[in-house]
Amino acid sequence: MRADVGDRIHIHSRSIGMQEQQGEITEVHGQNGEPPYVVRFNDGHEGLIYPGPDCTIERRRAEEQ
């Protein structure tokens, strides 16, 4: 997995009844865009995460850069 600051991360639910989490990557701590990432989630909290197989990255569009 590779990401840049400003990309969005989607953590898909692995259990029935749990909602997907989404957030913006604010820091990349791995080399060459690799995890871990600091993420500001839509509810306002921030955390350091190591994304698992239930995560996808949405690349920031060029016009947003």
Protein backbone atom coordinates (compact mmCIF):
# COMPACT_ATOMS: atom_id res chain seq x y z
CA MET A 1 0.00 0.00 0.00
CA ARG A 2 1.23 3.47 -0.89
CA ALA A 3 -0.23 6.89 -0.05
CA ASP A 4 0.63 10.59 0.07
CA VAL A 5 -0.44 13.36 2.42
CA GLY A 6 -3.91 14.51 1.35
CA ASP A 7 -5.05 11.10 0.11
CA ARG A 8 -8.19 9.63 1.68
CA ILE A 9 -8.31 6.27 3.39
CA HIS A 10 -11.43 4.11 3.56
CA ILE A 11 -11.60 1.39 6.22
CA HIS A 12 -14.33 -0.99 5.15
CA SER A 13 -16.37 -2.79 7.80
CA ARG A 14 -15.53 -6.42 8.42
CA SER A 15 -18.59 -6.97 10.62
CA ILE A 16 -22.31 -6.59 10.05
CA GLY A 17 -23.66 -3.41 11.60
CA MET A 18 -20.33 -1.56 11.74
CA GLN A 19 -19.91 1.49 9.57
CA GLU A 20 -17.05 2.27 7.24
CA GLN A 21 -14.54 4.82 8.54
CA GLN A 22 -13.00 7.47 6.31
CA GLY A 23 -10.32 10.04 6.85
CA GLU A 24 -7.55 12.15 5.36
CA ILE A 25 -3.92 11.10 5.59
CA THR A 26 -2.06 13.95 7.29
CA GLU A 27 1.35 12.30 7.78
CA VAL A 28 3.20 9.41 6.14
CA HIS A 29 5.79 7.77 8.40
CA GLY A 30 6.96 4.91 6.16
CA GLN A 31 9.44 5.09 3.32
CA ASN A 32 8.17 5.73 -0.22
CA GLY A 33 4.58 6.30 0.92
CA GLU A 34 4.31 3.12 2.95
CA PRO A 35 2.50 2.87 6.33
CA PRO A 36 2.12 3.83 9.08
CA TYR A 37 -0.09 6.86 8.44
CA VAL A 38 -1.52 9.54 10.70
CA VAL A 39 -5.17 9.92 9.74
CA ARG A 40 -7.71 12.62 10.63
CA PHE A 41 -11.03 10.81 10.56
CA ASN A 42 -14.32 12.42 9.55
CA ASP A 43 -15.47 12.54 13.18
CA GLY A 44 -12.45 14.72 14.06
CA HIS A 45 -10.21 12.26 15.90
CA GLU A 46 -6.69 11.46 14.70
CA GLY A 47 -4.72 8.28 14.98
CA LEU A 48 -1.67 6.40 13.77
CA ILE A 49 -2.74 3.39 11.72
CA TYR A 50 -1.23 0.46 9.88
CA PRO A 51 -3.88 -0.27 7.24
CA GLY A 52 -5.02 -3.84 6.79
CA PRO A 53 -6.55 -5.66 3.84
CA ASP A 54 -9.92 -4.03 4.55
CA CYS A 55 -8.54 -0.57 3.63
CA THR A 56 -8.39 1.28 0.33
CA ILE A 57 -6.67 4.54 -0.61
CA GLU A 58 -8.37 7.22 -2.69
CA ARG A 59 -5.70 9.32 -4.38
CA ARG A 60 -5.99 13.09 -4.13
CA ARG A 61 -6.98 14.60 -7.46
CA ALA A 62 -4.41 16.78 -9.24
CA GLU A 63 -6.61 19.91 -9.06
CA GLU A 64 -6.72 19.61 -5.24
CA GLN A 65 -2.93 19.69 -4.90
